[in-house]
Amino acid sequence: MLVEQVFDHQSRGARGCVCGARVEPRARRYRVPVRWDDLFADLEARLDAAHAADRAEEVADRTRAERARVGLADRLRAQAGPVDVLVRDGGTVRGEVRDAGPAWLLLADGPREHMVPTHAVAAVAGLTDQVAVDAGVVLSRLGLGHVLRCIAQDRSVVRLRVAGADLVGRVDAVGADHLDLAEVAPDSLRPTGRRRAVATAALDVVTRL
């Protein structure tokens, strides 16, 4: 009986030892802590990139807005070299830009000068991207009529290109929407006695001979 009690006690102790054995928990894994200065540096870099993108977009918007206000005369006044001007009748006038207003363009081709109304310009080759400063009040007010009146006062013989035809003579008078041309013979430049009223809107090129 005693032997059975001892055996039973030992058995319960052995089982209790096995069942009650402490099991060491697995070590917990922690993420390596991020340094605050690295975190702030990353955040600052992101903000700088966002600001740079905003500034680039703002500059692009301003550039587009400024370019939308640029007129052809502003670019022509800044032109340093010769240009080829295609007028609406299909002809081409070549020369260096002497001056340009909102309604006219003055080209020099050697000793000859060509005045091209802006409404007759179809295309310009050789033009750079440079833009001249503001033309000023005086130049901006010099319309096509003012230039034609100066030609009339000069009494120079001119060749008018009108609807694909050439008319040679002296400008006698300039009206609100037309001019009076006293024609001369193209070879001798002698007066023919004929006069024509030429619509200003029909002028393509005025060349001083």
N, C-alpha and C. Protein backbone atom coordinates (compact mmCIF):
# COMPACT_ATOMS: atom_id res chain seq x y z
N MET A 1 0.83 -1.20 0.00
CA MET A 1 0.00 0.00 0.00
C MET A 1 0.85 1.23 0.00
N LEU A 2 1.85 1.22 0.83
CA LEU A 2 2.76 2.34 0.90
C LEU A 2 3.50 2.51 -0.39
N VAL A 3 3.90 1.39 -0.97
CA VAL A 3 4.61 1.46 -2.26
C VAL A 3 3.74 2.08 -3.32
N GLU A 4 2.45 1.72 -3.33
CA GLU A 4 1.52 2.29 -4.33
C GLU A 4 1.37 3.78 -4.13
N GLN A 5 1.31 4.25 -2.85
CA GLN A 5 1.16 5.69 -2.60
C GLN A 5 2.40 6.43 -3.07
N VAL A 6 3.55 5.83 -2.72
CA VAL A 6 4.79 6.49 -3.16
C VAL A 6 4.85 6.57 -4.69
N PHE A 7 4.53 5.50 -5.36
CA PHE A 7 4.55 5.47 -6.83
C PHE A 7 3.57 6.47 -7.43
N ASP A 8 2.39 6.48 -6.76
CA ASP A 8 1.38 7.42 -7.25
C ASP A 8 1.82 8.86 -7.04
N HIS A 9 2.49 9.15 -5.92
CA HIS A 9 2.96 10.49 -5.63
C HIS A 9 4.04 10.89 -6.62
N GLN A 10 4.94 9.93 -6.90
CA GLN A 10 6.00 10.22 -7.85
C GLN A 10 5.46 10.46 -9.26
N SER A 11 4.41 9.64 -9.58
CA SER A 11 3.82 9.82 -10.92
C SER A 11 3.18 11.19 -11.06
N ARG A 12 2.42 11.59 -10.01
CA ARG A 12 1.79 12.92 -10.09
C ARG A 12 2.84 14.01 -10.12
N GLY A 13 3.94 13.79 -9.34
CA GLY A 13 5.00 14.81 -9.36
C GLY A 13 5.67 14.90 -10.69
N ALA A 14 5.90 13.76 -11.30
CA ALA A 14 6.53 13.78 -12.63
C ALA A 14 5.66 14.44 -13.66
N ARG A 15 4.32 14.10 -13.58
CA ARG A 15 3.41 14.73 -14.54
C ARG A 15 3.33 16.22 -14.28
N GLY A 16 3.30 16.53 -12.94
CA GLY A 16 3.22 17.96 -12.65
C GLY A 16 4.45 18.69 -13.08
N CYS A 17 5.59 18.04 -13.00
CA CYS A 17 6.83 18.69 -13.44
C CYS A 17 6.82 18.94 -14.94
N VAL A 18 6.29 17.92 -15.66
CA VAL A 18 6.25 18.09 -17.13
C VAL A 18 5.23 19.14 -17.53
N CYS A 19 4.06 19.03 -16.90
CA CYS A 19 2.98 19.95 -17.30
C CYS A 19 3.25 21.35 -16.81
N GLY A 20 3.90 21.44 -15.70
CA GLY A 20 4.11 22.77 -15.13
C GLY A 20 5.39 23.42 -15.54
N ALA A 21 6.12 22.81 -16.45
CA ALA A 21 7.39 23.39 -16.87
C ALA A 21 7.15 24.74 -17.55
N ARG A 22 7.99 25.77 -17.23
CA ARG A 22 7.84 27.11 -17.82
C ARG A 22 8.38 27.12 -19.26
N VAL A 23 7.59 27.68 -20.13
CA VAL A 23 8.00 27.79 -21.54
C VAL A 23 8.37 29.23 -21.81
N GLU A 24 9.58 29.42 -22.20
CA GLU A 24 10.04 30.78 -22.46
C GLU A 24 9.32 31.33 -23.70
N PRO A 25 8.69 32.47 -23.57
CA PRO A 25 8.00 33.06 -24.75
C PRO A 25 8.99 33.47 -25.82
N ARG A 26 8.52 33.42 -27.07
CA ARG A 26 9.36 33.84 -28.19
C ARG A 26 9.67 35.33 -28.08
N ALA A 27 10.83 35.67 -28.50
CA ALA A 27 11.22 37.08 -28.44
C ALA A 27 10.37 37.88 -29.42
N ARG A 28 9.84 39.03 -28.98
CA ARG A 28 9.01 39.88 -29.84
C ARG A 28 9.90 40.67 -30.80
N ARG A 29 9.38 40.80 -32.00
CA ARG A 29 10.12 41.54 -33.03
C ARG A 29 9.60 42.97 -33.11
N TYR A 30 10.45 43.94 -32.97
CA TYR A 30 10.09 45.35 -33.05
C TYR A 30 10.75 45.96 -34.29
N ARG A 31 10.04 46.91 -34.95
CA ARG A 31 10.61 47.66 -36.08
C ARG A 31 11.67 48.61 -35.56
N VAL A 32 12.69 48.78 -36.36
CA VAL A 32 13.74 49.71 -35.97
C VAL A 32 13.16 51.11 -35.94
N PRO A 33 13.23 51.83 -34.86
CA PRO A 33 12.62 53.16 -34.78
C PRO A 33 13.26 54.13 -35.78
N VAL A 34 12.43 54.96 -36.47
CA VAL A 34 12.90 55.94 -37.43
C VAL A 34 13.29 57.21 -36.69
N ARG A 35 14.45 57.71 -37.02
CA ARG A 35 14.88 58.95 -36.37
C ARG A 35 14.01 60.11 -36.83
N TRP A 36 13.70 60.99 -35.89
CA TRP A 36 12.81 62.09 -36.22
C TRP A 36 13.43 63.03 -37.25
N ASP A 37 14.73 63.25 -37.16
CA ASP A 37 15.34 64.15 -38.13
C ASP A 37 15.27 63.59 -39.54
N ASP A 38 15.37 62.23 -39.68
CA ASP A 38 15.20 61.61 -41.00
C ASP A 38 13.76 61.77 -41.49
N LEU A 39 12.83 61.62 -40.56
CA LEU A 39 11.41 61.76 -40.93
C LEU A 39 11.11 63.17 -41.38
N PHE A 40 11.62 64.15 -40.64
CA PHE A 40 11.39 65.55 -40.99
C PHE A 40 12.10 65.91 -42.30
N ALA A 41 13.28 65.34 -42.52
CA ALA A 41 14.00 65.60 -43.77
C ALA A 41 13.23 65.06 -44.96
N ASP A 42 12.67 63.88 -44.81
CA ASP A 42 11.88 63.30 -45.90
C ASP A 42 10.64 64.14 -46.16
N LEU A 43 9.99 64.59 -45.07
CA LEU A 43 8.80 65.43 -45.24
C LEU A 43 9.16 66.75 -45.90
N GLU A 44 10.28 67.34 -45.51
CA GLU A 44 10.71 68.60 -46.10
C GLU A 44 11.03 68.44 -47.57
N ALA A 45 11.65 67.31 -47.93
CA ALA A 45 11.97 67.06 -49.34
C ALA A 45 10.70 66.94 -50.17
N ARG A 46 9.69 66.29 -49.60
CA ARG A 46 8.42 66.17 -50.33
C ARG A 46 7.77 67.52 -50.52
N LEU A 47 7.82 68.35 -49.47
CA LEU A 47 7.22 69.68 -49.57
C LEU A 47 7.97 70.53 -50.59
N ASP A 48 9.30 70.45 -50.59
CA ASP A 48 10.09 71.20 -51.57
C ASP A 48 9.76 70.77 -52.98
N ALA A 49 9.60 69.46 -53.18
CA ALA A 49 9.25 68.97 -54.52
C ALA A 49 7.88 69.47 -54.95
N ALA A 50 6.94 69.48 -54.01
CA ALA A 50 5.59 69.98 -54.33
C ALA A 50 5.62 71.46 -54.65
N HIS A 51 6.40 72.24 -53.86
CA HIS A 51 6.51 73.68 -54.13
C HIS A 51 7.19 73.94 -55.47
N ALA A 52 8.22 73.15 -55.77
CA ALA A 52 8.91 73.32 -57.06
C ALA A 52 7.96 73.03 -58.22
N ALA A 53 7.14 72.01 -58.08
CA ALA A 53 6.17 71.70 -59.13
C ALA A 53 5.16 72.82 -59.28
N ASP A 54 4.73 73.39 -58.15
CA ASP A 54 3.78 74.50 -58.21
C ASP A 54 4.41 75.72 -58.87
N ARG A 55 5.67 76.00 -58.53
CA ARG A 55 6.35 77.14 -59.14
C ARG A 55 6.54 76.94 -60.64
N ALA A 56 6.90 75.72 -61.03
CA ALA A 56 7.07 75.44 -62.45
C ALA A 56 5.77 75.63 -63.21
N GLU A 57 4.67 75.17 -62.62
CA GLU A 57 3.37 75.34 -63.26
C GLU A 57 2.98 76.81 -63.33
N GLU A 58 3.30 77.56 -62.27
CA GLU A 58 2.99 78.99 -62.26
C GLU A 58 3.79 79.72 -63.33
N VAL A 59 5.09 79.37 -63.45
CA VAL A 59 5.92 79.99 -64.48
C VAL A 59 5.39 79.66 -65.86
N ALA A 60 5.00 78.41 -66.07
CA ALA A 60 4.45 78.01 -67.37
C ALA A 60 3.17 78.77 -67.68
N ASP A 61 2.31 78.96 -66.67
CA ASP A 61 1.08 79.71 -66.88
C ASP A 61 1.37 81.16 -67.22
N ARG A 62 2.33 81.76 -66.52
CA ARG A 62 2.69 83.15 -66.81
C ARG A 62 3.29 83.29 -68.20
N THR A 63 4.12 82.31 -68.56
CA THR A 63 4.74 82.36 -69.89
C THR A 63 3.68 82.28 -70.98
N ARG A 64 2.72 81.39 -70.79
CA ARG A 64 1.64 81.29 -71.78
C ARG A 64 0.81 82.55 -71.83
N ALA A 65 0.55 83.14 -70.66
CA ALA A 65 -0.25 84.37 -70.61
C ALA A 65 0.50 85.54 -71.27
N GLU A 66 1.81 85.63 -71.00
CA GLU A 66 2.59 86.69 -71.61
C GLU A 66 2.71 86.51 -73.11
N ARG A 67 2.89 85.27 -73.55
CA ARG A 67 2.99 85.01 -74.99
C ARG A 67 1.68 85.32 -75.70
N ALA A 68 0.57 85.13 -75.01
CA ALA A 68 -0.73 85.41 -75.63
C ALA A 68 -0.91 86.89 -75.90
N ARG A 69 -0.15 87.74 -75.21
CA ARG A 69 -0.27 89.19 -75.42
C ARG A 69 0.74 89.74 -76.43
N VAL A 70 1.60 88.87 -76.96
CA VAL A 70 2.62 89.32 -77.90
C VAL A 70 2.02 89.46 -79.29
N GLY A 71 2.23 90.64 -79.88
CA GLY A 71 1.76 90.87 -81.24
C GLY A 71 2.87 90.62 -82.26
N LEU A 72 2.49 90.45 -83.50
CA LEU A 72 3.48 90.20 -84.55
C LEU A 72 4.44 91.37 -84.68
N ALA A 73 3.93 92.59 -84.53
CA ALA A 73 4.79 93.77 -84.63
C ALA A 73 5.83 93.79 -83.53
N ASP A 74 5.50 93.28 -82.34
CA ASP A 74 6.47 93.23 -81.24
C ASP A 74 7.64 92.32 -81.58
N ARG A 75 7.37 91.22 -82.24
CA ARG A 75 8.45 90.32 -82.64
C ARG A 75 9.22 90.87 -83.83
N LEU A 76 8.53 91.54 -84.73
CA LEU A 76 9.21 92.10 -85.90
C LEU A 76 10.17 93.22 -85.51
N ARG A 77 9.79 94.03 -84.53
CA ARG A 77 10.67 95.11 -84.09
C ARG A 77 11.94 94.58 -83.44
N ALA A 78 11.88 93.38 -82.88
CA ALA A 78 13.06 92.78 -82.25
C ALA A 78 13.92 92.00 -83.24
N GLN A 79 13.49 91.91 -84.49
CA GLN A 79 14.19 91.12 -85.48
C GLN A 79 15.48 91.83 -85.90
N ALA A 80 16.59 91.07 -85.91
CA ALA A 80 17.88 91.64 -86.29
C ALA A 80 18.24 91.30 -87.74
N GLY A 81 17.88 90.13 -88.21
CA GLY A 81 18.25 89.71 -89.55
C GLY A 81 17.12 89.88 -90.55
N PRO A 82 17.35 89.51 -91.79
CA PRO A 82 16.32 89.63 -92.82
C PRO A 82 15.20 88.62 -92.63
N VAL A 83 14.05 88.96 -93.16
CA VAL A 83 12.89 88.07 -93.11
C VAL A 83 12.27 88.00 -94.49
N ASP A 84 11.54 86.91 -94.71
CA ASP A 84 10.76 86.74 -95.93
C ASP A 84 9.29 86.82 -95.56
N VAL A 85 8.61 87.81 -96.10
CA VAL A 85 7.21 88.03 -95.78
C VAL A 85 6.35 87.55 -96.94
N LEU A 86 5.51 86.58 -96.66
CA LEU A 86 4.55 86.09 -97.65
C LEU A 86 3.27 86.88 -97.50
N VAL A 87 2.88 87.58 -98.57
CA VAL A 87 1.65 88.36 -98.51
C VAL A 87 0.50 87.54 -99.09
N ARG A 88 -0.68 88.05 -98.89
CA ARG A 88 -1.87 87.25 -99.17
C ARG A 88 -2.09 86.95 -100.64
N ASP A 89 -1.45 87.73 -101.56
CA ASP A 89 -1.63 87.42 -102.98
C ASP A 89 -0.66 86.35 -103.46
N GLY A 90 0.16 85.81 -102.53
CA GLY A 90 1.09 84.75 -102.89
C GLY A 90 2.50 85.23 -103.14
N GLY A 91 2.72 86.54 -103.21
CA GLY A 91 4.04 87.08 -103.44
C GLY A 91 4.86 87.11 -102.16
N THR A 92 6.17 87.29 -102.32
CA THR A 92 7.09 87.33 -101.19
C THR A 92 7.91 88.60 -101.23
N VAL A 93 8.07 89.22 -100.09
CA VAL A 93 8.89 90.42 -99.96
C VAL A 93 9.99 90.11 -98.95
N ARG A 94 11.23 90.36 -99.34
CA ARG A 94 12.37 90.07 -98.48
C ARG A 94 13.07 91.37 -98.10
N GLY A 95 13.54 91.44 -96.86
CA GLY A 95 14.27 92.62 -96.42
C GLY A 95 14.51 92.60 -94.93
N GLU A 96 15.26 93.58 -94.47
CA GLU A 96 15.52 93.74 -93.05
C GLU A 96 14.48 94.69 -92.46
N VAL A 97 14.07 94.36 -91.26
CA VAL A 97 13.02 95.15 -90.61
C VAL A 97 13.61 96.48 -90.15
N ARG A 98 13.08 97.57 -90.67
CA ARG A 98 13.47 98.90 -90.24
C ARG A 98 12.58 99.38 -89.09
N ASP A 99 11.33 99.07 -89.19
CA ASP A 99 10.39 99.48 -88.13
C ASP A 99 9.09 98.71 -88.34
N ALA A 100 8.28 98.72 -87.30
CA ALA A 100 6.99 98.03 -87.38
C ALA A 100 6.03 98.66 -86.40
N GLY A 101 4.82 98.87 -86.87
CA GLY A 101 3.75 99.37 -86.03
C GLY A 101 2.62 98.35 -85.97
N PRO A 102 1.60 98.65 -85.25
CA PRO A 102 0.50 97.69 -85.16
C PRO A 102 -0.16 97.40 -86.51
N ALA A 103 -0.08 98.34 -87.46
CA ALA A 103 -0.80 98.18 -88.73
C ALA A 103 0.11 98.14 -89.94
N TRP A 104 1.43 98.18 -89.76
CA TRP A 104 2.32 98.23 -90.92
C TRP A 104 3.69 97.70 -90.55
N LEU A 105 4.44 97.34 -91.59
CA LEU A 105 5.80 96.81 -91.46
C LEU A 105 6.66 97.46 -92.52
N LEU A 106 7.84 97.98 -92.11
CA LEU A 106 8.75 98.63 -93.05
C LEU A 106 9.99 97.76 -93.22
N LEU A 107 10.25 97.34 -94.47
CA LEU A 107 11.40 96.50 -94.80
C LEU A 107 12.34 97.26 -95.71
N ALA A 108 13.64 97.02 -95.54
CA ALA A 108 14.66 97.62 -96.40
C ALA A 108 15.35 96.51 -97.18
N ASP A 109 15.32 96.63 -98.50
CA ASP A 109 15.97 95.67 -99.40
C ASP A 109 16.95 96.45 -100.26
N GLY A 110 18.17 96.65 -99.73
CA GLY A 110 19.12 97.49 -100.43
C GLY A 110 18.62 98.93 -100.42
N PRO A 111 18.62 99.59 -101.59
CA PRO A 111 18.15 100.97 -101.64
C PRO A 111 16.63 101.11 -101.60
N ARG A 112 15.93 100.01 -101.79
CA ARG A 112 14.47 100.08 -101.83
C ARG A 112 13.86 99.79 -100.46
N GLU A 113 12.72 100.39 -100.27
CA GLU A 113 11.97 100.18 -99.04
C GLU A 113 10.58 99.67 -99.38
N HIS A 114 10.12 98.72 -98.59
CA HIS A 114 8.80 98.15 -98.78
C HIS A 114 7.98 98.37 -97.51
N MET A 115 6.80 98.88 -97.69
CA MET A 115 5.86 99.01 -96.58
C MET A 115 4.76 97.99 -96.79
N VAL A 116 4.62 97.08 -95.83
CA VAL A 116 3.63 96.02 -95.93
C VAL A 116 2.58 96.23 -94.85
N PRO A 117 1.33 96.43 -95.23
CA PRO A 117 0.28 96.52 -94.22
C PRO A 117 0.15 95.19 -93.46
N THR A 118 -0.09 95.28 -92.18
CA THR A 118 -0.21 94.06 -91.37
C THR A 118 -1.33 93.16 -91.86
N HIS A 119 -2.41 93.77 -92.37
CA HIS A 119 -3.54 92.95 -92.82
C HIS A 119 -3.20 92.12 -94.05
N ALA A 120 -2.08 92.47 -94.75
CA ALA A 120 -1.68 91.72 -95.94
C ALA A 120 -0.67 90.63 -95.64
N VAL A 121 -0.15 90.57 -94.41
CA VAL A 121 0.87 89.58 -94.06
C VAL A 121 0.21 88.23 -93.84
N ALA A 122 0.66 87.23 -94.59
CA ALA A 122 0.15 85.87 -94.42
C ALA A 122 1.08 85.03 -93.57
N ALA A 123 2.40 85.20 -93.74
CA ALA A 123 3.37 84.43 -92.96
C ALA A 123 4.71 85.14 -93.03
N VAL A 124 5.55 84.87 -92.02
CA VAL A 124 6.88 85.47 -91.96
C VAL A 124 7.89 84.36 -91.69
N ALA A 125 8.91 84.24 -92.56
CA ALA A 125 9.97 83.25 -92.38
C ALA A 125 11.23 83.95 -91.89
N GLY A 126 11.98 83.25 -91.00
CA GLY A 126 13.21 83.82 -90.47
C GLY A 126 13.02 84.64 -89.22
N LEU A 127 11.84 84.61 -88.65
CA LEU A 127 11.54 85.41 -87.47
C LEU A 127 12.00 84.66 -86.22
N THR A 128 12.68 85.37 -85.32
CA THR A 128 13.14 84.76 -84.08
C THR A 128 12.04 84.85 -83.02
N ASP A 129 12.35 84.31 -81.84
CA ASP A 129 11.40 84.35 -80.73
C ASP A 129 11.56 85.60 -79.87
N GLN A 130 12.50 86.47 -80.24
CA GLN A 130 12.72 87.67 -79.45
C GLN A 130 11.51 88.61 -79.55
N VAL A 131 11.26 89.31 -78.46
CA VAL A 131 10.13 90.25 -78.41
C VAL A 131 10.66 91.61 -77.99
N ALA A 132 10.30 92.64 -78.73
CA ALA A 132 10.74 94.00 -78.41
C ALA A 132 9.92 94.56 -77.26
N VAL A 133 10.48 95.58 -76.63
CA VAL A 133 9.77 96.26 -75.55
C VAL A 133 8.58 97.02 -76.13
N ASP A 134 7.81 97.60 -75.25
CA ASP A 134 6.62 98.32 -75.66
C ASP A 134 6.97 99.35 -76.73
N ALA A 135 6.14 99.44 -77.75
CA ALA A 135 6.40 100.35 -78.86
C ALA A 135 6.31 101.81 -78.45
N GLY A 136 5.63 102.10 -77.36
CA GLY A 136 5.46 103.48 -76.95
C GLY A 136 4.18 104.07 -77.50
N VAL A 137 3.81 105.18 -76.95
CA VAL A 137 2.53 105.79 -77.33
C VAL A 137 2.54 106.29 -78.76
N VAL A 138 3.66 106.95 -79.16
CA VAL A 138 3.71 107.56 -80.49
C VAL A 138 3.64 106.50 -81.58
N LEU A 139 4.52 105.49 -81.49
CA LEU A 139 4.55 104.47 -82.53
C LEU A 139 3.26 103.67 -82.57
N SER A 140 2.68 103.41 -81.41
CA SER A 140 1.44 102.63 -81.39
C SER A 140 0.28 103.39 -82.02
N ARG A 141 0.39 104.71 -82.11
CA ARG A 141 -0.68 105.51 -82.71
C ARG A 141 -0.47 105.76 -84.19
N LEU A 142 0.69 105.39 -84.71
CA LEU A 142 0.96 105.59 -86.14
C LEU A 142 0.29 104.47 -86.93
N GLY A 143 -0.89 104.73 -87.39
CA GLY A 143 -1.61 103.75 -88.17
C GLY A 143 -1.19 103.76 -89.63
N LEU A 144 -1.85 102.94 -90.42
CA LEU A 144 -1.52 102.83 -91.83
C LEU A 144 -1.79 104.15 -92.55
N GLY A 145 -2.83 104.84 -92.17
CA GLY A 145 -3.14 106.13 -92.80
C GLY A 145 -2.05 107.16 -92.59
N HIS A 146 -1.45 107.17 -91.39
CA HIS A 146 -0.36 108.12 -91.13
C HIS A 146 0.83 107.84 -92.05
N VAL A 147 1.17 106.57 -92.23
CA VAL A 147 2.30 106.21 -93.07
C VAL A 147 2.01 106.57 -94.53
N LEU A 148 0.81 106.32 -95.00
CA LEU A 148 0.47 106.66 -96.38
C LEU A 148 0.48 108.16 -96.60
N ARG A 149 0.09 108.94 -95.62
CA ARG A 149 0.13 110.40 -95.76
C ARG A 149 1.57 110.91 -95.82
N CYS A 150 2.47 110.25 -95.09
CA CYS A 150 3.89 110.61 -95.18
C CYS A 150 4.43 110.32 -96.58
N ILE A 151 4.00 109.21 -97.16
CA ILE A 151 4.42 108.87 -98.53
C ILE A 151 3.86 109.90 -99.52
N ALA A 152 2.63 110.33 -99.30
CA ALA A 152 2.04 111.34 -100.19
C ALA A 152 2.79 112.66 -100.09
N GLN A 153 3.19 113.06 -98.90
CA GLN A 153 3.92 114.31 -98.74
C GLN A 153 5.31 114.24 -99.37
N ASP A 154 5.89 113.05 -99.38
CA ASP A 154 7.23 112.88 -99.94
C ASP A 154 7.24 112.95 -101.46
N ARG A 155 6.11 112.71 -102.07
CA ARG A 155 5.94 112.75 -103.53
C ARG A 155 6.84 111.74 -104.24
N SER A 156 7.19 110.67 -103.57
CA SER A 156 8.01 109.62 -104.19
C SER A 156 7.15 108.77 -105.11
N VAL A 157 7.79 108.22 -106.13
CA VAL A 157 7.11 107.27 -107.00
C VAL A 157 7.10 105.92 -106.29
N VAL A 158 5.92 105.34 -106.23
CA VAL A 158 5.77 104.06 -105.53
C VAL A 158 5.09 103.05 -106.44
N ARG A 159 5.30 101.79 -106.12
CA ARG A 159 4.59 100.71 -106.81
C ARG A 159 3.68 100.05 -105.79
N LEU A 160 2.40 100.03 -106.11
CA LEU A 160 1.41 99.42 -105.25
C LEU A 160 1.07 98.03 -105.78
N ARG A 161 1.17 97.05 -104.93
CA ARG A 161 0.72 95.72 -105.31
C ARG A 161 -0.70 95.54 -104.77
N VAL A 162 -1.63 95.41 -105.68
CA VAL A 162 -3.05 95.36 -105.32
C VAL A 162 -3.69 94.19 -106.06
N ALA A 163 -4.19 93.23 -105.32
CA ALA A 163 -4.89 92.08 -105.90
C ALA A 163 -4.07 91.41 -106.99
N GLY A 164 -2.77 91.31 -106.78
CA GLY A 164 -1.90 90.65 -107.74
C GLY A 164 -1.44 91.52 -108.89
N ALA A 165 -1.91 92.76 -108.96
CA ALA A 165 -1.52 93.69 -110.03
C ALA A 165 -0.60 94.77 -109.46
N ASP A 166 0.26 95.34 -110.30
CA ASP A 166 1.17 96.41 -109.90
C ASP A 166 0.69 97.73 -110.49
N LEU A 167 0.55 98.73 -109.63
CA LEU A 167 0.19 100.08 -110.04
C LEU A 167 1.32 101.01 -109.64
N VAL A 168 1.80 101.81 -110.58
CA VAL A 168 2.94 102.69 -110.34
C VAL A 168 2.47 104.13 -110.45
N GLY A 169 2.88 104.94 -109.49
CA GLY A 169 2.49 106.35 -109.53
C GLY A 169 2.88 107.06 -108.25
N ARG A 170 2.30 108.24 -108.06
CA ARG A 170 2.51 109.03 -106.87
C ARG A 170 1.19 109.15 -106.10
N VAL A 171 1.27 109.04 -104.80
CA VAL A 171 0.08 109.15 -103.97
C VAL A 171 -0.27 110.63 -103.85
N ASP A 172 -1.41 110.99 -104.38
CA ASP A 172 -1.85 112.38 -104.33
C ASP A 172 -2.55 112.73 -103.02
N ALA A 173 -3.40 111.84 -102.56
CA ALA A 173 -4.18 112.11 -101.36
C ALA A 173 -4.54 110.80 -100.69
N VAL A 174 -4.80 110.89 -99.39
CA VAL A 174 -5.16 109.70 -98.61
C VAL A 174 -6.46 110.00 -97.86
N GLY A 175 -7.47 109.17 -98.12
CA GLY A 175 -8.74 109.33 -97.44
C GLY A 175 -8.86 108.39 -96.25
N ALA A 176 -10.08 108.26 -95.77
CA ALA A 176 -10.31 107.42 -94.60
C ALA A 176 -10.09 105.94 -94.90
N ASP A 177 -10.46 105.50 -96.11
CA ASP A 177 -10.33 104.09 -96.45
C ASP A 177 -9.78 103.87 -97.85
N HIS A 178 -9.17 104.90 -98.45
CA HIS A 178 -8.63 104.76 -99.79
C HIS A 178 -7.55 105.82 -100.01
N LEU A 179 -6.85 105.67 -101.13
CA LEU A 179 -5.88 106.68 -101.54
C LEU A 179 -6.07 106.95 -103.02
N ASP A 180 -5.65 108.14 -103.45
CA ASP A 180 -5.69 108.51 -104.88
C ASP A 180 -4.28 108.40 -105.44
N LEU A 181 -4.14 107.61 -106.49
CA LEU A 181 -2.84 107.39 -107.10
C LEU A 181 -2.81 108.04 -108.47
N ALA A 182 -1.85 108.96 -108.68
CA ALA A 182 -1.60 109.55 -110.00
C ALA A 182 -0.60 108.66 -110.71
N GLU A 183 -1.06 107.91 -111.69
CA GLU A 183 -0.22 106.89 -112.32
C GLU A 183 0.86 107.50 -113.22
N VAL A 184 1.99 106.78 -113.29
CA VAL A 184 3.08 107.16 -114.18
C VAL A 184 3.44 105.92 -115.00
N ALA A 185 4.15 106.13 -116.10
CA ALA A 185 4.61 105.02 -116.92
C ALA A 185 5.72 104.27 -116.17
N PRO A 186 5.63 102.95 -116.07
CA PRO A 186 6.62 102.19 -115.29
C PRO A 186 8.04 102.35 -115.81
N ASP A 187 8.24 102.54 -117.12
CA ASP A 187 9.59 102.62 -117.67
C ASP A 187 10.18 104.02 -117.58
N SER A 188 9.39 105.04 -117.90
CA SER A 188 9.89 106.41 -117.92
C SER A 188 9.51 107.20 -116.68
N LEU A 189 8.58 106.70 -115.92
CA LEU A 189 8.06 107.38 -114.72
C LEU A 189 7.41 108.73 -115.05
N ARG A 190 6.97 108.87 -116.29
CA ARG A 190 6.27 110.10 -116.67
C ARG A 190 4.78 109.96 -116.38
N PRO A 191 4.15 111.04 -115.99
CA PRO A 191 2.71 110.97 -115.68
C PRO A 191 1.90 110.56 -116.90
N THR A 192 0.93 109.71 -116.64
CA THR A 192 0.05 109.25 -117.72
C THR A 192 -1.27 110.03 -117.74
N GLY A 193 -1.52 110.80 -116.73
CA GLY A 193 -2.77 111.54 -116.66
C GLY A 193 -3.90 110.72 -116.04
N ARG A 194 -3.66 109.45 -115.74
CA ARG A 194 -4.70 108.62 -115.13
C ARG A 194 -4.58 108.68 -113.61
N ARG A 195 -5.73 108.63 -112.98
CA ARG A 195 -5.79 108.58 -111.52
C ARG A 195 -6.68 107.41 -111.11
N ARG A 196 -6.29 106.77 -110.04
CA ARG A 196 -7.06 105.65 -109.50
C ARG A 196 -7.31 105.87 -108.02
N ALA A 197 -8.48 105.50 -107.60
CA ALA A 197 -8.79 105.44 -106.17
C ALA A 197 -8.59 103.99 -105.74
N VAL A 198 -7.66 103.78 -104.85
CA VAL A 198 -7.29 102.43 -104.43
C VAL A 198 -7.74 102.22 -102.99
N ALA A 199 -8.48 101.17 -102.75
CA ALA A 199 -8.93 100.87 -101.40
C ALA A 199 -7.73 100.51 -100.53
N THR A 200 -7.65 101.13 -99.36
CA THR A 200 -6.54 100.86 -98.45
C THR A 200 -6.52 99.41 -98.02
N ALA A 201 -7.68 98.81 -97.84
CA ALA A 201 -7.75 97.43 -97.40
C ALA A 201 -7.26 96.47 -98.47
N ALA A 202 -7.14 96.93 -99.72
CA ALA A 202 -6.70 96.05 -100.82
C ALA A 202 -5.17 96.09 -100.99
N LEU A 203 -4.48 96.98 -100.29
CA LEU A 203 -3.02 97.11 -100.45
C LEU A 203 -2.32 95.89 -99.87
N ASP A 204 -1.37 95.36 -100.66
CA ASP A 204 -0.53 94.27 -100.18
C ASP A 204 0.88 94.75 -99.89
N VAL A 205 1.45 95.52 -100.80
CA VAL A 205 2.81 96.05 -100.63
C VAL A 205 2.88 97.43 -101.27
N VAL A 206 3.59 98.34 -100.59
CA VAL A 206 3.89 99.65 -101.16
C VAL A 206 5.42 99.77 -101.22
N THR A 207 5.98 99.87 -102.45
CA THR A 207 7.41 99.92 -102.63
C THR A 207 7.84 101.27 -103.17
N ARG A 208 8.81 101.86 -102.46
CA ARG A 208 9.35 103.14 -102.94
C ARG A 208 10.38 102.87 -104.03
N LEU A 209 10.19 103.46 -105.23
CA LEU A 209 11.08 103.25 -106.37
C LEU A 209 12.16 104.33 -106.43
